[in-house]
């Protein structure tokens, strides 16, 4: 006996619609996961090191009369390269240079022991190759104070809150004790080995009575303590927005800047405030990390393609 099902509801179309909706929801969720995981990558101006300016400078005959090439990265980048003229004597120090990388260029920073001969006496000074966001100002005053930071207006205006600093780098780190040489005639041995360093600091600055104060908003830091066999491309250094053992102590005299009266003053960090909006960014990449005029000759750090990664979480922003 055959049963007539003509009066029963047809569930086929309903099932197809439900399945389609489920597939659509799964697809949307999958897209949402991909969107939330995406990052916005922004290259830093001149951080690809394809544009350099150079000046050919002849040093004074009193110290040998050599002609040297002084390189500048451009944009907001300063470097340890320096030109000074005091009492008619011209001197050039070069520890940062462009170097070929494939069809383009990268930045090479080297710790070098410079020797200057004058009136029959050899004066020796260790120069640590480094680049930073900021500007070198009074090189002669720096030499007199024996503090390289005294000549650098450190940091540039910046309001972003990146997740990470990204760059390509490689390194040659010497396995030998460090030395100290500060333009005297003697070289002193120092305990410990020097290492390369990558630092990013976000600050919220303000001025009161001529003092420049700052909250530490965020920090990224990487110690380069060994030689790399090849380039480490797209290397990430996460930015932390809270104080940890790795992010280090606050500083009241490590960095300097101009106040509104044009005076060079310390940037006095007073507290961590990861919830604040930054006003300035400091990025420094160096072939050494020890005190001024202290390090290991022959340490070299190369870097290229410096970028910042930002959270691009569309779903989170929609909330």
C-alpha atoms as a PDB file:
ATOM      1  CA  UNK A   1       0.000   0.000   0.000  1.00  0.00           C
ATOM      2  CA  UNK A   2       1.437   3.349  -1.011  1.00  0.00           C
ATOM      3  CA  UNK A   3       1.292   6.303   1.303  1.00  0.00           C
ATOM      4  CA  UNK A   4       0.422   9.712  -0.046  1.00  0.00           C
ATOM      5  CA  UNK A   5       2.860  12.319   1.441  1.00  0.00           C
ATOM      6  CA  UNK A   6       1.495  15.246  -0.487  1.00  0.00           C
ATOM      7  CA  UNK A   7       0.063  16.784   2.702  1.00  0.00           C
ATOM      8  CA  UNK A   8       3.399  16.690   4.607  1.00  0.00           C
ATOM      9  CA  UNK A   9       5.559  19.866   4.626  1.00  0.00           C
ATOM     10  CA  UNK A  10       8.581  19.852   2.312  1.00  0.00           C
ATOM     11  CA  UNK A  11      11.677  20.351   4.549  1.00  0.00           C
ATOM     12  CA  UNK A  12      14.212  20.226   1.749  1.00  0.00           C
ATOM     13  CA  UNK A  13      14.237  23.953   1.056  1.00  0.00           C
ATOM     14  CA  UNK A  14      14.310  24.735   4.783  1.00  0.00           C
ATOM     15  CA  UNK A  15      17.318  22.471   5.274  1.00  0.00           C
ATOM     16  CA  UNK A  16      19.141  24.109   2.384  1.00  0.00           C
ATOM     17  CA  UNK A  17      18.463  27.571   3.807  1.00  0.00           C
ATOM     18  CA  UNK A  18      19.677  26.554   7.294  1.00  0.00           C
ATOM     19  CA  UNK A  19      22.834  24.994   5.883  1.00  0.00           C
ATOM     20  CA  UNK A  20      23.461  28.073   3.768  1.00  0.00           C
ATOM     21  CA  UNK A  21      23.084  30.311   6.803  1.00  0.00           C
ATOM     22  CA  UNK A  22      25.493  28.135   8.796  1.00  0.00           C
ATOM     23  CA  UNK A  23      28.019  28.230   5.980  1.00  0.00           C
ATOM     24  CA  UNK A  24      27.651  32.007   5.789  1.00  0.00           C
ATOM     25  CA  UNK A  25      28.143  32.383   9.551  1.00  0.00           C
ATOM     26  CA  UNK A  26      31.212  30.137   9.500  1.00  0.00           C
ATOM     27  CA  UNK A  27      32.618  32.104   6.561  1.00  0.00           C
ATOM     28  CA  UNK A  28      31.998  35.401   8.333  1.00  0.00           C
ATOM     29  CA  UNK A  29      33.615  34.112  11.514  1.00  0.00           C
ATOM     30  CA  UNK A  30      36.583  32.880   9.536  1.00  0.00           C
ATOM     31  CA  UNK A  31      36.884  36.253   7.855  1.00  0.00           C
ATOM     32  CA  UNK A  32      36.557  37.897  11.263  1.00  0.00           C
ATOM     33  CA  UNK A  33      39.424  35.805  12.628  1.00  0.00           C
ATOM     34  CA  UNK A  34      41.610  36.758   9.697  1.00  0.00           C
ATOM     35  CA  UNK A  35      40.717  40.414  10.022  1.00  0.00           C
ATOM     36  CA  UNK A  36      41.407  40.443  13.759  1.00  0.00           C
ATOM     37  CA  UNK A  37      44.745  38.749  13.185  1.00  0.00           C
ATOM     38  CA  UNK A  38      45.840  41.187  10.487  1.00  0.00           C
ATOM     39  CA  UNK A  39      48.286  43.951  11.201  1.00  0.00           C
ATOM     40  CA  UNK A  40      48.924  47.248   9.552  1.00  0.00           C
ATOM     41  CA  UNK A  41      52.610  47.527   8.727  1.00  0.00           C
ATOM     42  CA  UNK A  42      54.010  51.019   8.254  1.00  0.00           C
ATOM     43  CA  UNK A  43      57.592  51.579   7.068  1.00  0.00           C
ATOM     44  CA  UNK A  44      59.502  54.320   8.822  1.00  0.00           C
ATOM     45  CA  UNK A  45      60.620  57.112   6.485  1.00  0.00           C
ATOM     46  CA  UNK A  46      64.179  56.502   5.257  1.00  0.00           C
ATOM     47  CA  UNK A  47      64.155  53.199   7.191  1.00  0.00           C
ATOM     48  CA  UNK A  48      64.858  51.302   3.973  1.00  0.00           C
ATOM     49  CA  UNK A  49      68.261  53.054   3.745  1.00  0.00           C
ATOM     50  CA  UNK A  50      67.977  53.635   0.024  1.00  0.00           C
ATOM     51  CA  UNK A  51      68.607  57.384   0.313  1.00  0.00           C
ATOM     52  CA  UNK A  52      71.835  58.736   1.778  1.00  0.00           C
ATOM     53  CA  UNK A  53      73.602  62.058   1.531  1.00  0.00           C
ATOM     54  CA  UNK A  54      77.361  62.302   1.680  1.00  0.00           C
ATOM     55  CA  UNK A  55      79.976  64.973   2.148  1.00  0.00           C
ATOM     56  CA  UNK A  56      83.679  64.730   1.365  1.00  0.00           C
ATOM     57  CA  UNK A  57      85.650  66.482   4.101  1.00  0.00           C
ATOM     58  CA  UNK A  58      89.387  66.963   4.358  1.00  0.00           C
ATOM     59  CA  UNK A  59      90.649  66.799   7.922  1.00  0.00           C
ATOM     60  CA  UNK A  60      93.246  69.259   9.172  1.00  0.00           C
ATOM     61  CA  UNK A  61      96.869  68.626   8.301  1.00  0.00           C
ATOM     62  CA  UNK A  62      97.691  68.764  12.004  1.00  0.00           C
ATOM     63  CA  UNK A  63      95.935  65.390  12.457  1.00  0.00           C
ATOM     64  CA  UNK A  64      96.965  63.808   9.164  1.00  0.00           C
ATOM     65  CA  UNK A  65      94.980  65.631   6.487  1.00  0.00           C
ATOM     66  CA  UNK A  66      92.927  62.615   5.348  1.00  0.00           C
ATOM     67  CA  UNK A  67      89.829  63.095   3.212  1.00  0.00           C
ATOM     68  CA  UNK A  68      86.826  61.209   4.603  1.00  0.00           C
ATOM     69  CA  UNK A  69      83.237  60.685   3.499  1.00  0.00           C
ATOM     70  CA  UNK A  70      80.595  61.658   6.046  1.00  0.00           C
ATOM     71  CA  UNK A  71      77.269  59.857   5.499  1.00  0.00           C
ATOM     72  CA  UNK A  72      73.794  60.921   6.624  1.00  0.00           C
ATOM     73  CA  UNK A  73      70.720  58.694   6.529  1.00  0.00           C
ATOM     74  CA  UNK A  74      68.157  61.460   6.145  1.00  0.00           C
ATOM     75  CA  UNK A  75      64.731  62.221   7.557  1.00  0.00           C
ATOM     76  CA  UNK A  76      64.426  61.956  11.329  1.00  0.00           C
ATOM     77  CA  UNK A  77      67.487  59.698  11.611  1.00  0.00           C
ATOM     78  CA  UNK A  78      70.689  60.802  13.270  1.00  0.00           C
ATOM     79  CA  UNK A  79      73.840  58.733  13.636  1.00  0.00           C
ATOM     80  CA  UNK A  80      77.122  58.494  15.469  1.00  0.00           C
ATOM     81  CA  UNK A  81      78.875  59.972  12.426  1.00  0.00           C
ATOM     82  CA  UNK A  82      80.183  63.395  13.381  1.00  0.00           C
ATOM     83  CA  UNK A  83      82.059  66.415  12.089  1.00  0.00           C
ATOM     84  CA  UNK A  84      83.713  68.847  14.474  1.00  0.00           C
ATOM     85  CA  UNK A  85      85.770  71.973  14.042  1.00  0.00           C
ATOM     86  CA  UNK A  86      87.481  73.494  17.059  1.00  0.00           C
ATOM     87  CA  UNK A  87      90.271  76.078  17.112  1.00  0.00           C
ATOM     88  CA  UNK A  88      90.704  75.632  13.357  1.00  0.00           C
ATOM     89  CA  UNK A  89      91.117  71.851  13.541  1.00  0.00           C
ATOM     90  CA  UNK A  90      88.632  69.782  11.517  1.00  0.00           C
ATOM     91  CA  UNK A  91      87.909  66.143  12.448  1.00  0.00           C
ATOM     92  CA  UNK A  92      85.517  63.553  11.019  1.00  0.00           C
ATOM     93  CA  UNK A  93      84.341  60.361  12.719  1.00  0.00           C
ATOM     94  CA  UNK A  94      82.610  57.721  10.588  1.00  0.00           C
ATOM     95  CA  UNK A  95      81.121  54.586  12.170  1.00  0.00           C
ATOM     96  CA  UNK A  96      77.886  54.316  10.131  1.00  0.00           C
ATOM     97  CA  UNK A  97      77.966  53.680   6.387  1.00  0.00           C
ATOM     98  CA  UNK A  98      75.709  52.410   3.600  1.00  0.00           C
ATOM     99  CA  UNK A  99      76.439  48.923   2.315  1.00  0.00           C
ATOM    100  CA  UNK A 100      75.143  47.019  -0.670  1.00  0.00           C
ATOM    101  CA  UNK A 101      72.417  44.448  -0.010  1.00  0.00           C
ATOM    102  CA  UNK A 102      71.236  42.719  -3.144  1.00  0.00           C
ATOM    103  CA  UNK A 103      70.136  45.428  -5.547  1.00  0.00           C
ATOM    104  CA  UNK A 104      69.607  47.961  -2.753  1.00  0.00           C
ATOM    105  CA  UNK A 105      71.318  49.294   0.340  1.00  0.00           C
ATOM    106  CA  UNK A 106      71.356  48.652   4.070  1.00  0.00           C
ATOM    107  CA  UNK A 107      72.905  50.378   7.081  1.00  0.00           C
ATOM    108  CA  UNK A 108      76.184  49.174   8.598  1.00  0.00           C
ATOM    109  CA  UNK A 109      77.127  50.228  12.141  1.00  0.00           C
ATOM    110  CA  UNK A 110      80.575  49.328  13.464  1.00  0.00           C
ATOM    111  CA  UNK A 111      82.474  49.904  16.695  1.00  0.00           C
ATOM    112  CA  UNK A 112      85.839  51.319  15.658  1.00  0.00           C
ATOM    113  CA  UNK A 113      88.975  52.341  17.516  1.00  0.00           C
ATOM    114  CA  UNK A 114      90.061  55.632  16.005  1.00  0.00           C
ATOM    115  CA  UNK A 115      93.621  56.888  16.314  1.00  0.00           C
ATOM    116  CA  UNK A 116      94.497  60.541  15.806  1.00  0.00           C
ATOM    117  CA  UNK A 117      98.139  61.551  15.580  1.00  0.00           C
ATOM    118  CA  UNK A 118      99.032  65.098  16.570  1.00  0.00           C
ATOM    119  CA  UNK A 119     102.369  66.620  17.531  1.00  0.00           C
ATOM    120  CA  UNK A 120     103.848  63.138  17.632  1.00  0.00           C
ATOM    121  CA  UNK A 121     101.274  61.740  20.077  1.00  0.00           C
ATOM    122  CA  UNK A 122      98.645  59.090  19.265  1.00  0.00           C
ATOM    123  CA  UNK A 123      95.233  59.730  20.793  1.00  0.00           C
ATOM    124  CA  UNK A 124      92.753  56.835  20.759  1.00  0.00           C
ATOM    125  CA  UNK A 125      88.970  56.844  21.038  1.00  0.00           C
ATOM    126  CA  UNK A 126      86.359  54.148  20.668  1.00  0.00           C
ATOM    127  CA  UNK A 127      83.402  55.128  18.473  1.00  0.00           C
ATOM    128  CA  UNK A 128      80.315  52.902  18.609  1.00  0.00           C
ATOM    129  CA  UNK A 129      78.287  52.906  15.408  1.00  0.00           C
ATOM    130  CA  UNK A 130      74.626  53.709  16.007  1.00  0.00           C
ATOM    131  CA  UNK A 131      71.563  55.294  14.442  1.00  0.00           C
ATOM    132  CA  UNK A 132      68.699  56.923  16.320  1.00  0.00           C
ATOM    133  CA  UNK A 133      65.656  59.139  15.895  1.00  0.00           C
ATOM    134  CA  UNK A 134      66.953  62.555  16.808  1.00  0.00           C
ATOM    135  CA  UNK A 135      69.629  65.065  15.922  1.00  0.00           C
ATOM    136  CA  UNK A 136      73.267  65.505  16.895  1.00  0.00           C
ATOM    137  CA  UNK A 137      74.018  69.109  17.790  1.00  0.00           C
ATOM    138  CA  UNK A 138      77.099  70.353  19.666  1.00  0.00           C
ATOM    139  CA  UNK A 139      79.842  67.819  18.928  1.00  0.00           C
ATOM    140  CA  UNK A 140      82.579  70.015  20.437  1.00  0.00           C
ATOM    141  CA  UNK A 141      80.600  70.398  23.657  1.00  0.00           C
ATOM    142  CA  UNK A 142      80.049  66.660  23.725  1.00  0.00           C
ATOM    143  CA  UNK A 143      83.784  66.028  23.456  1.00  0.00           C
ATOM    144  CA  UNK A 144      84.456  68.403  26.327  1.00  0.00           C
ATOM    145  CA  UNK A 145      81.806  66.803  28.546  1.00  0.00           C
ATOM    146  CA  UNK A 146      82.838  63.224  27.602  1.00  0.00           C
ATOM    147  CA  UNK A 147      79.125  62.402  27.326  1.00  0.00           C
ATOM    148  CA  UNK A 148      77.890  61.653  23.768  1.00  0.00           C
ATOM    149  CA  UNK A 149      74.259  62.042  24.850  1.00  0.00           C
ATOM    150  CA  UNK A 150      74.896  65.679  25.741  1.00  0.00           C
ATOM    151  CA  UNK A 151      75.113  66.478  22.014  1.00  0.00           C
ATOM    152  CA  UNK A 152      71.949  64.628  20.935  1.00  0.00           C
ATOM    153  CA  UNK A 153      68.418  66.001  20.921  1.00  0.00           C
ATOM    154  CA  UNK A 154      66.865  62.553  21.303  1.00  0.00           C
ATOM    155  CA  UNK A 155      63.498  61.488  19.940  1.00  0.00           C
ATOM    156  CA  UNK A 156      61.009  62.903  17.442  1.00  0.00           C
ATOM    157  CA  UNK A 157      57.278  63.745  17.674  1.00  0.00           C
ATOM    158  CA  UNK A 158      55.081  60.642  17.404  1.00  0.00           C
ATOM    159  CA  UNK A 159      51.577  59.678  18.558  1.00  0.00           C
ATOM    160  CA  UNK A 160      51.126  56.045  17.496  1.00  0.00           C
ATOM    161  CA  UNK A 161      50.984  52.930  19.691  1.00  0.00           C
ATOM    162  CA  UNK A 162      52.550  50.093  17.661  1.00  0.00           C
ATOM    163  CA  UNK A 163      52.538  46.427  18.603  1.00  0.00           C
ATOM    164  CA  UNK A 164      56.078  45.765  17.458  1.00  0.00           C
ATOM    165  CA  UNK A 165      59.195  47.091  15.826  1.00  0.00           C
ATOM    166  CA  UNK A 166      60.035  45.016  12.738  1.00  0.00           C
ATOM    167  CA  UNK A 167      63.343  45.034  10.889  1.00  0.00           C
ATOM    168  CA  UNK A 168      65.900  42.938   9.037  1.00  0.00           C
ATOM    169  CA  UNK A 169      69.252  42.612  10.776  1.00  0.00           C
ATOM    170  CA  UNK A 170      72.456  40.637  10.983  1.00  0.00           C
ATOM    171  CA  UNK A 171      75.419  40.924  13.332  1.00  0.00           C
ATOM    172  CA  UNK A 172      79.077  40.157  13.872  1.00  0.00           C
ATOM    173  CA  UNK A 173      79.793  40.158  17.618  1.00  0.00           C
ATOM    174  CA  UNK A 174      83.392  39.746  18.770  1.00  0.00           C
ATOM    175  CA  UNK A 175      84.186  37.168  21.433  1.00  0.00           C
ATOM    176  CA  UNK A 176      86.697  39.265  23.333  1.00  0.00           C
ATOM    177  CA  UNK A 177      86.787  41.641  26.310  1.00  0.00           C
ATOM    178  CA  UNK A 178      85.715  45.240  25.876  1.00  0.00           C
ATOM    179  CA  UNK A 179      88.026  48.249  26.106  1.00  0.00           C
ATOM    180  CA  UNK A 180      87.775  51.863  27.228  1.00  0.00           C
ATOM    181  CA  UNK A 181      89.368  54.645  25.156  1.00  0.00           C
ATOM    182  CA  UNK A 182      88.214  58.268  25.484  1.00  0.00           C
ATOM    183  CA  UNK A 183      90.642  60.227  23.305  1.00  0.00           C
ATOM    184  CA  UNK A 184      93.577  59.692  25.627  1.00  0.00           C
ATOM    185  CA  UNK A 185      96.821  57.909  24.933  1.00  0.00           C
ATOM    186  CA  UNK A 186      95.955  54.758  26.884  1.00  0.00           C
ATOM    187  CA  UNK A 187      93.559  51.879  26.216  1.00  0.00           C
ATOM    188  CA  UNK A 188      92.098  50.170  29.272  1.00  0.00           C
ATOM    189  CA  UNK A 189      90.626  46.674  29.430  1.00  0.00           C
ATOM    190  CA  UNK A 190      87.065  46.415  30.749  1.00  0.00           C
ATOM    191  CA  UNK A 191      85.249  43.443  32.237  1.00  0.00           C
ATOM    192  CA  UNK A 192      82.508  41.947  30.115  1.00  0.00           C
ATOM    193  CA  UNK A 193      81.697  41.631  26.422  1.00  0.00           C
ATOM    194  CA  UNK A 194      79.904  44.251  24.442  1.00  0.00           C
ATOM    195  CA  UNK A 195      76.796  43.427  22.407  1.00  0.00           C
ATOM    196  CA  UNK A 196      74.577  45.097  19.860  1.00  0.00           C
ATOM    197  CA  UNK A 197      71.311  46.659  20.905  1.00  0.00           C
ATOM    198  CA  UNK A 198      67.879  47.612  19.544  1.00  0.00           C
ATOM    199  CA  UNK A 199      65.703  49.961  21.606  1.00  0.00           C
ATOM    200  CA  UNK A 200      62.333  51.630  21.081  1.00  0.00           C
ATOM    201  CA  UNK A 201      60.915  53.953  23.747  1.00  0.00           C
ATOM    202  CA  UNK A 202      57.571  55.754  23.620  1.00  0.00           C
ATOM    203  CA  UNK A 203      57.265  58.816  25.854  1.00  0.00           C
ATOM    204  CA  UNK A 204      54.572  61.316  26.780  1.00  0.00           C
ATOM    205  CA  UNK A 205      56.488  64.560  27.427  1.00  0.00           C
ATOM    206  CA  UNK A 206      55.618  67.913  28.959  1.00  0.00           C
ATOM    207  CA  UNK A 207      57.524  70.921  30.305  1.00  0.00           C
ATOM    208  CA  UNK A 208      57.345  72.653  33.677  1.00  0.00           C
ATOM    209  CA  UNK A 209      59.617  75.517  34.759  1.00  0.00           C
ATOM    210  CA  UNK A 210      62.195  74.659  32.141  1.00  0.00           C
ATOM    211  CA  UNK A 211      62.284  70.962  33.048  1.00  0.00           C
ATOM    212  CA  UNK A 212      61.175  68.377  30.496  1.00  0.00           C
ATOM    213  CA  UNK A 213      59.353  65.463  32.144  1.00  0.00           C
ATOM    214  CA  UNK A 214      58.077  62.273  30.561  1.00  0.00           C
ATOM    215  CA  UNK A 215      55.912  59.273  31.227  1.00  0.00           C
ATOM    216  CA  UNK A 216      57.286  56.024  29.798  1.00  0.00           C
ATOM    217  CA  UNK A 217      54.379  54.778  27.671  1.00  0.00           C
ATOM    218  CA  UNK A 218      55.937  51.758  25.970  1.00  0.00           C
ATOM    219  CA  UNK A 219      59.213  50.030  25.237  1.00  0.00           C
ATOM    220  CA  UNK A 220      60.723  47.397  22.956  1.00  0.00           C
ATOM    221  CA  UNK A 221      64.223  46.072  23.500  1.00  0.00           C
ATOM    222  CA  UNK A 222      66.485  43.458  21.933  1.00  0.00           C
ATOM    223  CA  UNK A 223      70.047  42.571  22.922  1.00  0.00           C
ATOM    224  CA  UNK A 224      72.205  41.233  20.081  1.00  0.00           C
ATOM    225  CA  UNK A 225      74.728  39.080  21.924  1.00  0.00           C
ATOM    226  CA  UNK A 226      75.889  36.675  19.202  1.00  0.00           C
ATOM    227  CA  UNK A 227      76.893  36.586  15.554  1.00  0.00           C
ATOM    228  CA  UNK A 228      74.195  35.683  13.040  1.00  0.00           C
ATOM    229  CA  UNK A 229      75.049  33.398  10.120  1.00  0.00           C
ATOM    230  CA  UNK A 230      72.721  35.291   7.794  1.00  0.00           C
ATOM    231  CA  UNK A 231      70.150  38.057   7.677  1.00  0.00           C
ATOM    232  CA  UNK A 232      67.229  37.667  10.081  1.00  0.00           C
ATOM    233  CA  UNK A 233      64.415  39.122   8.020  1.00  0.00           C
ATOM    234  CA  UNK A 234      61.158  40.495   9.463  1.00  0.00           C
ATOM    235  CA  UNK A 235      62.500  40.201  13.006  1.00  0.00           C
ATOM    236  CA  UNK A 236      59.911  41.341  15.542  1.00  0.00           C
ATOM    237  CA  UNK A 237      60.645  43.180  18.785  1.00  0.00           C
ATOM    238  CA  UNK A 238      57.334  43.412  20.712  1.00  0.00           C
ATOM    239  CA  UNK A 239      56.381  46.701  22.351  1.00  0.00           C
ATOM    240  CA  UNK A 240      55.391  46.384  26.021  1.00  0.00           C
ATOM    241  CA  UNK A 241      53.028  48.929  27.556  1.00  0.00           C
ATOM    242  CA  UNK A 242      53.820  48.047  31.148  1.00  0.00           C
ATOM    243  CA  UNK A 243      56.984  47.785  33.201  1.00  0.00           C
ATOM    244  CA  UNK A 244      58.765  44.440  33.351  1.00  0.00           C
ATOM    245  CA  UNK A 245      62.257  43.291  34.262  1.00  0.00           C
ATOM    246  CA  UNK A 246      63.058  43.325  30.552  1.00  0.00           C
ATOM    247  CA  UNK A 247      61.850  46.881  29.917  1.00  0.00           C
ATOM    248  CA  UNK A 248      64.354  48.313  32.380  1.00  0.00           C
ATOM    249  CA  UNK A 249      64.301  51.162  34.856  1.00  0.00           C
ATOM    250  CA  UNK A 250      63.182  54.707  34.158  1.00  0.00           C
ATOM    251  CA  UNK A 251      65.839  57.304  33.411  1.00  0.00           C
ATOM    252  CA  UNK A 252      66.272  60.873  34.601  1.00  0.00           C
ATOM    253  CA  UNK A 253      69.441  61.729  32.679  1.00  0.00           C
ATOM    254  CA  UNK A 254      69.998  59.171  29.898  1.00  0.00           C
ATOM    255  CA  UNK A 255      68.433  61.304  27.133  1.00  0.00           C
ATOM    256  CA  UNK A 256      68.354  65.025  26.502  1.00  0.00           C
ATOM    257  CA  UNK A 257      66.268  67.508  24.516  1.00  0.00           C
ATOM    258  CA  UNK A 258      65.697  71.228  24.082  1.00  0.00           C
ATOM    259  CA  UNK A 259      63.199  72.978  26.316  1.00  0.00           C
ATOM    260  CA  UNK A 260      61.069  75.906  25.132  1.00  0.00           C
ATOM    261  CA  UNK A 261      63.918  78.316  25.948  1.00  0.00           C
ATOM    262  CA  UNK A 262      66.342  76.441  23.713  1.00  0.00           C
ATOM    263  CA  UNK A 263      68.326  74.975  26.604  1.00  0.00           C
ATOM    264  CA  UNK A 264      69.559  71.391  26.415  1.00  0.00           C
ATOM    265  CA  UNK A 265      68.072  69.581  29.422  1.00  0.00           C
ATOM    266  CA  UNK A 266      67.574  66.051  30.680  1.00  0.00           C
ATOM    267  CA  UNK A 267      64.381  64.191  29.808  1.00  0.00           C
ATOM    268  CA  UNK A 268      63.241  63.222  33.283  1.00  0.00           C
ATOM    269  CA  UNK A 269      61.077  60.103  33.207  1.00  0.00           C
ATOM    270  CA  UNK A 270      58.809  60.014  36.263  1.00  0.00           C
ATOM    271  CA  UNK A 271      56.568  56.937  35.870  1.00  0.00           C
ATOM    272  CA  UNK A 272      55.155  54.274  33.582  1.00  0.00           C
ATOM    273  CA  UNK A 273      51.815  55.164  31.953  1.00  0.00           C
ATOM    274  CA  UNK A 274      50.951  52.648  29.272  1.00  0.00           C
ATOM    275  CA  UNK A 275      47.458  54.147  29.029  1.00  0.00           C
ATOM    276  CA  UNK A 276      48.784  57.522  27.830  1.00  0.00           C
ATOM    277  CA  UNK A 277      49.120  58.678  24.227  1.00  0.00           C
ATOM    278  CA  UNK A 278      52.777  59.089  23.226  1.00  0.00           C
ATOM    279  CA  UNK A 279      54.147  62.431  22.123  1.00  0.00           C
ATOM    280  CA  UNK A 280      57.633  61.205  21.121  1.00  0.00           C
ATOM    281  CA  UNK A 281      59.415  58.079  19.922  1.00  0.00           C
ATOM    282  CA  UNK A 282      63.043  57.107  20.465  1.00  0.00           C
ATOM    283  CA  UNK A 283      64.505  54.342  18.301  1.00  0.00           C
ATOM    284  CA  UNK A 284      68.167  53.451  18.659  1.00  0.00           C
ATOM    285  CA  UNK A 285      70.066  50.636  16.944  1.00  0.00           C
ATOM    286  CA  UNK A 286      73.696  50.220  17.886  1.00  0.00           C
ATOM    287  CA  UNK A 287      76.727  47.994  17.484  1.00  0.00           C
ATOM    288  CA  UNK A 288      77.336  48.327  21.228  1.00  0.00           C
ATOM    289  CA  UNK A 289      75.498  48.773  24.494  1.00  0.00           C
ATOM    290  CA  UNK A 290      78.143  49.725  27.034  1.00  0.00           C
ATOM    291  CA  UNK A 291      79.003  53.151  28.460  1.00  0.00           C
ATOM    292  CA  UNK A 292      80.402  55.941  26.227  1.00  0.00           C
ATOM    293  CA  UNK A 293      83.849  55.218  24.750  1.00  0.00           C
ATOM    294  CA  UNK A 294      83.517  51.615  25.953  1.00  0.00           C
ATOM    295  CA  UNK A 295      82.983  48.573  23.773  1.00  0.00           C
ATOM    296  CA  UNK A 296      84.533  46.041  21.472  1.00  0.00           C
ATOM    297  CA  UNK A 297      86.211  47.129  18.212  1.00  0.00           C
ATOM    298  CA  UNK A 298      84.981  45.041  15.312  1.00  0.00           C
ATOM    299  CA  UNK A 299      81.403  44.616  16.517  1.00  0.00           C
ATOM    300  CA  UNK A 300      79.143  45.207  13.512  1.00  0.00           C
ATOM    301  CA  UNK A 301      75.357  45.365  13.227  1.00  0.00           C
ATOM    302  CA  UNK A 302      73.591  45.718   9.892  1.00  0.00           C
ATOM    303  CA  UNK A 303      69.923  46.715   9.631  1.00  0.00           C
ATOM    304  CA  UNK A 304      67.367  47.319   6.916  1.00  0.00           C
ATOM    305  CA  UNK A 305      63.637  47.835   6.301  1.00  0.00           C
ATOM    306  CA  UNK A 306      62.630  49.273   9.688  1.00  0.00           C
ATOM    307  CA  UNK A 307      58.853  49.174  10.154  1.00  0.00           C
ATOM    308  CA  UNK A 308      56.183  49.458  12.830  1.00  0.00           C
ATOM    309  CA  UNK A 309      53.309  46.985  13.214  1.00  0.00           C
ATOM    310  CA  UNK A 310      49.900  48.152  14.445  1.00  0.00           C
ATOM    311  CA  UNK A 311      46.850  46.232  15.579  1.00  0.00           C
ATOM    312  CA  UNK A 312      44.242  46.308  12.839  1.00  0.00           C
ATOM    313  CA  UNK A 313      41.523  44.410  14.716  1.00  0.00           C
ATOM    314  CA  UNK A 314      38.389  45.528  12.941  1.00  0.00           C
ATOM    315  CA  UNK A 315      36.070  43.440  15.118  1.00  0.00           C
ATOM    316  CA  UNK A 316      37.542  44.812  18.308  1.00  0.00           C
ATOM    317  CA  UNK A 317      37.274  48.349  16.991  1.00  0.00           C
ATOM    318  CA  UNK A 318      33.610  47.762  16.128  1.00  0.00           C
ATOM    319  CA  UNK A 319      32.893  46.994  19.785  1.00  0.00           C
END
